[in-house]
Amino acid sequence: MKLPLVETRLLWDGRVCIVRQDDVEVRLPWRPPVLSALVMEADYAPAVRVQDVRELGCCRRDMTAAEAAAVAAWMAMFIGAVRVQAQLVTGG
């Protein structure tokens, strides 16, 4: 999956999730836990005003304010944990 460079983005295509914030990008082989089990695809890139999901059996729709806030909070926590882990591994 080719992902255009946007500083903050969560992209879930039903198989792979890419989480990017600032200079950190992580690819996950599972659905981000912040998304409902009914969410088949999600794209969150607030800088370019993209915040949408596609649920099982439904068309694509805009995320609710609560969903977008939950994704933003989860991303900040997740990327923060990735940075801490990287510092522990590299000793930096």
Protein backbone atom coordinates (compact mmCIF):
# COMPACT_ATOMS: atom_id res chain seq x y z
CA MET A 1 0.00 0.00 0.00
CA LYS A 2 1.50 3.31 -1.06
CA LEU A 3 0.72 6.09 1.38
CA PRO A 4 1.04 9.75 0.38
CA LEU A 5 3.17 11.74 2.79
CA VAL A 6 0.92 13.36 5.34
CA GLU A 7 2.39 14.04 8.78
CA THR A 8 -0.46 12.46 10.74
CA ARG A 9 -2.36 9.54 9.28
CA LEU A 10 -4.05 6.29 10.17
CA LEU A 11 -4.97 4.11 7.21
CA TRP A 12 -6.69 0.74 7.71
CA ASP A 13 -7.51 -1.17 4.52
CA GLY A 14 -8.94 -4.27 6.17
CA ARG A 15 -5.60 -6.11 6.19
CA VAL A 16 -2.87 -3.66 7.16
CA CYS A 17 -2.90 -0.54 9.26
CA ILE A 18 -0.38 2.24 8.76
CA VAL A 19 0.00 4.72 11.59
CA ARG A 20 2.12 7.80 10.94
CA GLN A 21 2.75 10.76 13.17
CA ASP A 22 5.54 13.24 12.53
CA ASP A 23 8.68 11.19 11.83
CA VAL A 24 7.35 7.81 13.02
CA GLU A 25 5.56 5.28 10.80
CA VAL A 26 4.43 1.85 11.94
CA ARG A 27 2.71 -0.87 9.90
CA LEU A 28 0.44 -3.18 11.85
CA PRO A 29 -1.04 -6.48 10.61
CA TRP A 30 -4.23 -5.93 12.64
CA ARG A 31 -7.13 -3.55 13.10
CA PRO A 32 -6.31 -0.69 15.45
CA PRO A 33 -8.19 -1.34 18.71
CA VAL A 34 -9.70 2.15 18.60
CA LEU A 35 -11.86 1.14 15.61
CA SER A 36 -15.11 -0.77 15.98
CA ALA A 37 -15.10 -4.39 14.81
CA LEU A 38 -17.60 -3.29 12.15
CA VAL A 39 -15.08 -0.92 10.53
CA MET A 40 -13.72 -2.50 7.36
CA GLU A 41 -11.67 0.53 6.22
CA ALA A 42 -10.62 3.79 7.81
CA ASP A 43 -8.64 6.82 6.72
CA TYR A 44 -7.76 9.58 9.18
CA ALA A 45 -5.59 12.44 7.92
CA PRO A 46 -6.78 15.66 9.57
CA ALA A 47 -4.26 17.90 7.78
CA VAL A 48 -5.99 17.15 4.47
CA ARG A 49 -9.48 16.97 6.02
CA VAL A 50 -9.91 13.23 5.58
CA GLN A 51 -11.65 11.41 8.43
CA ASP A 52 -13.76 8.57 7.12
CA VAL A 53 -14.69 4.96 7.71
CA ARG A 54 -16.49 2.21 5.86
CA GLU A 55 -18.43 -0.17 8.05
CA LEU A 56 -19.48 -3.71 7.16
CA GLY A 57 -22.26 -3.58 4.57
CA CYS A 58 -22.26 0.22 4.45
CA CYS A 59 -20.93 3.02 2.30
CA ARG A 60 -18.03 5.20 3.33
CA ARG A 61 -18.98 7.95 5.79
CA ASP A 62 -17.33 10.72 7.77
CA MET A 63 -16.12 9.82 11.25
CA THR A 64 -18.12 11.29 14.06
CA ALA A 65 -16.37 13.88 16.22
CA ALA A 66 -16.08 11.26 18.96
CA GLU A 67 -14.54 8.69 16.59
CA ALA A 68 -12.02 11.21 15.25
CA ALA A 69 -11.09 12.30 18.79
CA ALA A 70 -10.65 8.66 19.84
CA VAL A 71 -8.41 7.94 16.84
CA ALA A 72 -6.29 11.05 17.54
CA ALA A 73 -5.91 10.11 21.23
CA TRP A 74 -5.03 6.49 20.43
CA MET A 75 -2.49 7.55 17.81
CA ALA A 76 -0.77 9.92 20.25
CA MET A 77 -0.59 7.18 22.90
CA PHE A 78 0.55 4.50 20.43
CA ILE A 79 3.22 6.61 18.74
CA GLY A 80 4.40 7.80 22.17
CA ALA A 81 4.85 4.18 23.23
CA VAL A 82 6.71 3.38 19.98
CA ARG A 83 9.10 6.29 20.63
CA VAL A 84 9.76 5.14 24.20
CA GLN A 85 10.44 1.59 22.98
CA ALA A 86 12.81 2.89 20.28
CA GLN A 87 14.71 4.91 22.89
CA LEU A 88 15.04 1.83 25.10
CA VAL A 89 16.31 -0.29 22.21
CA THR A 90 18.78 2.29 20.93
CA GLY A 91 19.78 3.63 24.34
CA GLY A 92 18.88 7.14 23.19
